[in-house]
Amino acid sequence: MMNPSPLYMLSCLVVLLLLPLPSLFADPDPLQDFCIADLNASTLVNGFPCKPASKVTSDDFVFDGLSKEGNTSNIFGSSIISANVLSFPGLNTLGVSLIRADLAIGGVIPPHSHPRATEAVLIASGHILVGLVTTGNVYYSKVLTAGQLFIIPRGLVHFQLNVGPGKSPFLHLL
């Protein structure tokens, strides 16, 4: 019977040690089903503490602020309505937020980026030019219409411009 070489043994040991590493890159499982933010709490450590489960109601899982059209009479011709933990405590600890944007004819959401979030832009109606610039200075854009979705990878500079004949509402999911 042949003895395995030390190099072979070392290679096997390295593979066995590195095999579990991909599982360490996943998000941890949540410790609870939900954590409705207690916006009236006096102690804030890292975000908002959870409301006691006995005080949670179905209304804590509902937000109707995105149903209202925003005022676009400003220099950019745009309006932003945010559903984040401050306006919708049910989003606490979930790592997601929603934004309703309304653009007047020719309205723009100027170039900006989100260093910690990928953005999905979903068009409700109208014609919106969505564009982004990669870190390699490559420009991508597309005019979107109702029901179309554009993904903007985390950290990339992007913008939206209403190129249609009327007001255009759309959603940002971050």
C-alpha atoms as a PDB file:
ATOM      1  CA  MET A   1       0.000   0.000   0.000  1.00  0.00           C
ATOM      2  CA  MET A   2       1.296   3.429  -0.973  1.00  0.00           C
ATOM      3  CA  ASN A   3       1.602   6.233   1.638  1.00  0.00           C
ATOM      4  CA  PRO A   4       0.112   9.589   0.591  1.00  0.00           C
ATOM      5  CA  SER A   5       2.663  12.338   0.127  1.00  0.00           C
ATOM      6  CA  PRO A   6       2.866  15.193   2.664  1.00  0.00           C
ATOM      7  CA  LEU A   7       1.769  17.645  -0.065  1.00  0.00           C
ATOM      8  CA  TYR A   8      -1.348  15.576  -0.732  1.00  0.00           C
ATOM      9  CA  MET A   9      -2.147  15.447   2.993  1.00  0.00           C
ATOM     10  CA  LEU A  10      -1.631  19.209   3.327  1.00  0.00           C
ATOM     11  CA  SER A  11      -3.915  19.854   0.337  1.00  0.00           C
ATOM     12  CA  CYS A  12      -6.663  17.700   1.856  1.00  0.00           C
ATOM     13  CA  LEU A  13      -6.321  19.492   5.190  1.00  0.00           C
ATOM     14  CA  VAL A  14      -6.584  22.934   3.530  1.00  0.00           C
ATOM     15  CA  VAL A  15      -9.700  21.880   1.589  1.00  0.00           C
ATOM     16  CA  LEU A  16     -11.333  20.537   4.762  1.00  0.00           C
ATOM     17  CA  LEU A  17     -10.561  23.758   6.632  1.00  0.00           C
ATOM     18  CA  LEU A  18     -11.857  26.029   3.858  1.00  0.00           C
ATOM     19  CA  LEU A  19     -14.997  24.014   3.035  1.00  0.00           C
ATOM     20  CA  PRO A  20     -17.246  25.580   5.723  1.00  0.00           C
ATOM     21  CA  LEU A  21     -16.228  29.180   4.888  1.00  0.00           C
ATOM     22  CA  PRO A  22     -19.058  29.974   2.413  1.00  0.00           C
ATOM     23  CA  SER A  23     -21.624  29.344   5.157  1.00  0.00           C
ATOM     24  CA  LEU A  24     -20.033  32.132   7.222  1.00  0.00           C
ATOM     25  CA  PHE A  25     -20.871  34.703   4.538  1.00  0.00           C
ATOM     26  CA  ALA A  26     -24.646  34.337   4.865  1.00  0.00           C
ATOM     27  CA  ASP A  27     -26.843  36.633   6.926  1.00  0.00           C
ATOM     28  CA  PRO A  28     -27.699  35.224  10.321  1.00  0.00           C
ATOM     29  CA  ASP A  29     -31.201  33.943  10.876  1.00  0.00           C
ATOM     30  CA  PRO A  30     -33.428  36.431  12.691  1.00  0.00           C
ATOM     31  CA  LEU A  31     -33.864  35.846  16.405  1.00  0.00           C
ATOM     32  CA  GLN A  32     -37.523  36.874  16.280  1.00  0.00           C
ATOM     33  CA  ASP A  33     -40.326  37.042  13.716  1.00  0.00           C
ATOM     34  CA  PHE A  34     -40.525  40.854  13.754  1.00  0.00           C
ATOM     35  CA  CYS A  35     -39.492  43.888  15.756  1.00  0.00           C
ATOM     36  CA  ILE A  36     -42.004  46.728  15.453  1.00  0.00           C
ATOM     37  CA  ALA A  37     -40.087  49.888  16.385  1.00  0.00           C
ATOM     38  CA  ASP A  38     -41.029  51.555  19.639  1.00  0.00           C
ATOM     39  CA  LEU A  39     -40.567  55.163  18.490  1.00  0.00           C
ATOM     40  CA  ASN A  40     -41.336  56.478  21.980  1.00  0.00           C
ATOM     41  CA  ALA A  41     -38.563  54.545  23.724  1.00  0.00           C
ATOM     42  CA  SER A  42     -36.097  56.663  25.667  1.00  0.00           C
ATOM     43  CA  THR A  43     -33.121  54.334  25.183  1.00  0.00           C
ATOM     44  CA  LEU A  44     -31.697  53.964  21.687  1.00  0.00           C
ATOM     45  CA  VAL A  45     -28.682  51.713  21.281  1.00  0.00           C
ATOM     46  CA  ASN A  46     -28.500  50.611  17.662  1.00  0.00           C
ATOM     47  CA  GLY A  47     -31.770  51.681  16.116  1.00  0.00           C
ATOM     48  CA  PHE A  48     -35.103  51.360  17.868  1.00  0.00           C
ATOM     49  CA  PRO A  49     -36.032  48.776  20.488  1.00  0.00           C
ATOM     50  CA  CYS A  50     -38.969  46.477  19.840  1.00  0.00           C
ATOM     51  CA  LYS A  51     -42.487  47.244  20.926  1.00  0.00           C
ATOM     52  CA  PRO A  52     -43.730  44.618  23.398  1.00  0.00           C
ATOM     53  CA  ALA A  53     -45.427  41.797  21.470  1.00  0.00           C
ATOM     54  CA  SER A  54     -48.573  42.289  23.562  1.00  0.00           C
ATOM     55  CA  LYS A  55     -48.940  45.823  22.112  1.00  0.00           C
ATOM     56  CA  VAL A  56     -48.437  44.858  18.437  1.00  0.00           C
ATOM     57  CA  THR A  57     -51.523  45.126  16.222  1.00  0.00           C
ATOM     58  CA  SER A  58     -52.272  44.395  12.570  1.00  0.00           C
ATOM     59  CA  ASP A  59     -51.979  48.130  11.874  1.00  0.00           C
ATOM     60  CA  ASP A  60     -48.246  47.910  12.675  1.00  0.00           C
ATOM     61  CA  PHE A  61     -47.792  45.946   9.433  1.00  0.00           C
ATOM     62  CA  VAL A  62     -49.648  48.466   7.226  1.00  0.00           C
ATOM     63  CA  PHE A  63     -48.464  51.767   5.704  1.00  0.00           C
ATOM     64  CA  ASP A  64     -50.667  53.891   3.467  1.00  0.00           C
ATOM     65  CA  GLY A  65     -48.339  56.841   2.908  1.00  0.00           C
ATOM     66  CA  LEU A  66     -47.314  55.702  -0.573  1.00  0.00           C
ATOM     67  CA  SER A  67     -50.863  56.125  -1.888  1.00  0.00           C
ATOM     68  CA  LYS A  68     -50.662  59.915  -1.741  1.00  0.00           C
ATOM     69  CA  GLU A  69     -49.304  61.930  -4.688  1.00  0.00           C
ATOM     70  CA  GLY A  70     -46.415  64.188  -3.744  1.00  0.00           C
ATOM     71  CA  ASN A  71     -45.995  67.915  -4.421  1.00  0.00           C
ATOM     72  CA  THR A  72     -43.657  68.401  -7.405  1.00  0.00           C
ATOM     73  CA  SER A  73     -43.680  72.210  -7.465  1.00  0.00           C
ATOM     74  CA  ASN A  74     -39.980  72.639  -6.704  1.00  0.00           C
ATOM     75  CA  ILE A  75     -36.779  73.264  -8.677  1.00  0.00           C
ATOM     76  CA  PHE A  76     -36.367  69.540  -9.464  1.00  0.00           C
ATOM     77  CA  GLY A  77     -40.023  68.868 -10.272  1.00  0.00           C
ATOM     78  CA  SER A  78     -39.893  65.894  -7.945  1.00  0.00           C
ATOM     79  CA  SER A  79     -41.356  64.622  -4.706  1.00  0.00           C
ATOM     80  CA  ILE A  80     -40.194  61.815  -2.432  1.00  0.00           C
ATOM     81  CA  ILE A  81     -42.351  60.037   0.160  1.00  0.00           C
ATOM     82  CA  SER A  82     -40.379  57.560   2.272  1.00  0.00           C
ATOM     83  CA  ALA A  83     -41.552  54.434   4.026  1.00  0.00           C
ATOM     84  CA  ASN A  84     -38.742  53.874   6.497  1.00  0.00           C
ATOM     85  CA  VAL A  85     -38.662  52.940  10.162  1.00  0.00           C
ATOM     86  CA  LEU A  86     -39.544  56.508  11.219  1.00  0.00           C
ATOM     87  CA  SER A  87     -42.731  56.590   9.137  1.00  0.00           C
ATOM     88  CA  PHE A  88     -43.446  52.842   9.136  1.00  0.00           C
ATOM     89  CA  PRO A  89     -42.230  51.210  12.384  1.00  0.00           C
ATOM     90  CA  GLY A  90     -43.006  47.734  11.002  1.00  0.00           C
ATOM     91  CA  LEU A  91     -39.843  47.962   8.854  1.00  0.00           C
ATOM     92  CA  ASN A  92     -37.591  48.041  11.933  1.00  0.00           C
ATOM     93  CA  THR A  93     -34.661  45.556  11.645  1.00  0.00           C
ATOM     94  CA  LEU A  94     -35.814  44.263   8.229  1.00  0.00           C
ATOM     95  CA  GLY A  95     -33.152  46.088   6.192  1.00  0.00           C
ATOM     96  CA  VAL A  96     -35.601  47.414   3.610  1.00  0.00           C
ATOM     97  CA  SER A  97     -37.276  50.704   2.806  1.00  0.00           C
ATOM     98  CA  LEU A  98     -39.641  51.941   0.104  1.00  0.00           C
ATOM     99  CA  ILE A  99     -39.926  55.322  -1.555  1.00  0.00           C
ATOM    100  CA  ARG A 100     -42.648  56.765  -3.724  1.00  0.00           C
ATOM    101  CA  ALA A 101     -41.306  59.315  -6.183  1.00  0.00           C
ATOM    102  CA  ASP A 102     -43.434  61.625  -8.292  1.00  0.00           C
ATOM    103  CA  LEU A 103     -41.895  63.496 -11.215  1.00  0.00           C
ATOM    104  CA  ALA A 104     -43.532  66.379 -13.047  1.00  0.00           C
ATOM    105  CA  ILE A 105     -42.936  66.712 -16.802  1.00  0.00           C
ATOM    106  CA  GLY A 106     -39.162  67.136 -17.119  1.00  0.00           C
ATOM    107  CA  GLY A 107     -38.722  66.461 -13.383  1.00  0.00           C
ATOM    108  CA  VAL A 108     -35.510  64.836 -12.208  1.00  0.00           C
ATOM    109  CA  ILE A 109     -34.087  62.987  -9.269  1.00  0.00           C
ATOM    110  CA  PRO A 110     -30.476  64.210  -9.553  1.00  0.00           C
ATOM    111  CA  PRO A 111     -27.465  61.867  -9.626  1.00  0.00           C
ATOM    112  CA  HIS A 112     -26.851  60.179  -6.285  1.00  0.00           C
ATOM    113  CA  SER A 113     -25.819  56.814  -4.865  1.00  0.00           C
ATOM    114  CA  HIS A 114     -26.693  54.459  -2.026  1.00  0.00           C
ATOM    115  CA  PRO A 115     -23.455  53.038  -0.588  1.00  0.00           C
ATOM    116  CA  ARG A 116     -25.237  50.337   1.422  1.00  0.00           C
ATOM    117  CA  ALA A 117     -28.207  49.358  -0.744  1.00  0.00           C
ATOM    118  CA  THR A 118     -29.141  48.018  -4.140  1.00  0.00           C
ATOM    119  CA  GLU A 119     -32.132  49.874  -5.566  1.00  0.00           C
ATOM    120  CA  ALA A 120     -35.007  48.579  -7.661  1.00  0.00           C
ATOM    121  CA  VAL A 121     -37.027  51.195  -9.574  1.00  0.00           C
ATOM    122  CA  LEU A 122     -40.571  50.105 -10.510  1.00  0.00           C
ATOM    123  CA  ILE A 123     -42.534  52.407 -12.829  1.00  0.00           C
ATOM    124  CA  ALA A 124     -46.245  52.862 -12.039  1.00  0.00           C
ATOM    125  CA  SER A 125     -47.059  55.022 -15.074  1.00  0.00           C
ATOM    126  CA  GLY A 126     -45.419  57.403 -17.515  1.00  0.00           C
ATOM    127  CA  HIS A 127     -41.990  57.354 -19.164  1.00  0.00           C
ATOM    128  CA  ILE A 128     -38.917  57.559 -16.941  1.00  0.00           C
ATOM    129  CA  LEU A 129     -35.317  57.616 -18.166  1.00  0.00           C
ATOM    130  CA  VAL A 130     -33.261  55.721 -15.591  1.00  0.00           C
ATOM    131  CA  GLY A 131     -29.491  55.827 -15.882  1.00  0.00           C
ATOM    132  CA  LEU A 132     -26.446  54.661 -13.968  1.00  0.00           C
ATOM    133  CA  VAL A 133     -22.675  54.947 -14.252  1.00  0.00           C
ATOM    134  CA  THR A 134     -20.440  52.022 -13.295  1.00  0.00           C
ATOM    135  CA  THR A 135     -17.163  52.297 -11.410  1.00  0.00           C
ATOM    136  CA  GLY A 136     -15.497  51.744 -14.799  1.00  0.00           C
ATOM    137  CA  ASN A 137     -17.220  54.930 -16.049  1.00  0.00           C
ATOM    138  CA  VAL A 138     -19.647  53.057 -18.334  1.00  0.00           C
ATOM    139  CA  TYR A 139     -23.105  54.636 -18.710  1.00  0.00           C
ATOM    140  CA  TYR A 140     -26.260  52.500 -18.942  1.00  0.00           C
ATOM    141  CA  SER A 141     -29.770  53.896 -19.389  1.00  0.00           C
ATOM    142  CA  LYS A 142     -33.245  52.942 -20.484  1.00  0.00           C
ATOM    143  CA  VAL A 143     -36.616  54.666 -20.837  1.00  0.00           C
ATOM    144  CA  LEU A 144     -39.047  52.631 -18.747  1.00  0.00           C
ATOM    145  CA  THR A 145     -42.832  52.478 -18.872  1.00  0.00           C
ATOM    146  CA  ALA A 146     -45.516  51.129 -16.526  1.00  0.00           C
ATOM    147  CA  GLY A 147     -44.677  47.793 -14.954  1.00  0.00           C
ATOM    148  CA  GLN A 148     -40.985  47.809 -15.899  1.00  0.00           C
ATOM    149  CA  LEU A 149     -38.255  47.390 -13.300  1.00  0.00           C
ATOM    150  CA  PHE A 150     -34.658  48.669 -13.374  1.00  0.00           C
ATOM    151  CA  ILE A 151     -32.031  47.386 -10.929  1.00  0.00           C
ATOM    152  CA  ILE A 152     -29.283  49.719  -9.722  1.00  0.00           C
ATOM    153  CA  PRO A 153     -26.415  47.876  -8.006  1.00  0.00           C
ATOM    154  CA  ARG A 154     -25.234  49.113  -4.635  1.00  0.00           C
ATOM    155  CA  GLY A 155     -23.019  52.173  -4.630  1.00  0.00           C
ATOM    156  CA  LEU A 156     -23.430  53.190  -8.292  1.00  0.00           C
ATOM    157  CA  VAL A 157     -24.305  56.764  -9.228  1.00  0.00           C
ATOM    158  CA  HIS A 158     -27.765  56.928 -10.829  1.00  0.00           C
ATOM    159  CA  PHE A 159     -30.641  59.269 -11.685  1.00  0.00           C
ATOM    160  CA  GLN A 160     -34.240  59.341 -12.948  1.00  0.00           C
ATOM    161  CA  LEU A 161     -35.745  61.832 -15.433  1.00  0.00           C
ATOM    162  CA  ASN A 162     -39.367  62.101 -16.564  1.00  0.00           C
ATOM    163  CA  VAL A 163     -39.273  62.147 -20.375  1.00  0.00           C
ATOM    164  CA  GLY A 164     -43.004  61.549 -20.822  1.00  0.00           C
ATOM    165  CA  PRO A 165     -45.931  63.877 -21.575  1.00  0.00           C
ATOM    166  CA  GLY A 166     -47.357  63.823 -18.006  1.00  0.00           C
ATOM    167  CA  LYS A 167     -46.607  63.279 -14.330  1.00  0.00           C
ATOM    168  CA  SER A 168     -45.019  59.957 -13.498  1.00  0.00           C
ATOM    169  CA  PRO A 169     -45.136  58.100 -10.171  1.00  0.00           C
ATOM    170  CA  PHE A 170     -42.769  55.225  -9.432  1.00  0.00           C
ATOM    171  CA  LEU A 171     -41.453  53.183  -6.517  1.00  0.00           C
ATOM    172  CA  HIS A 172     -37.921  52.719  -5.244  1.00  0.00           C
ATOM    173  CA  LEU A 173     -37.234  49.589  -3.223  1.00  0.00           C
ATOM    174  CA  LEU A 174     -34.035  49.757  -1.181  1.00  0.00           C
END
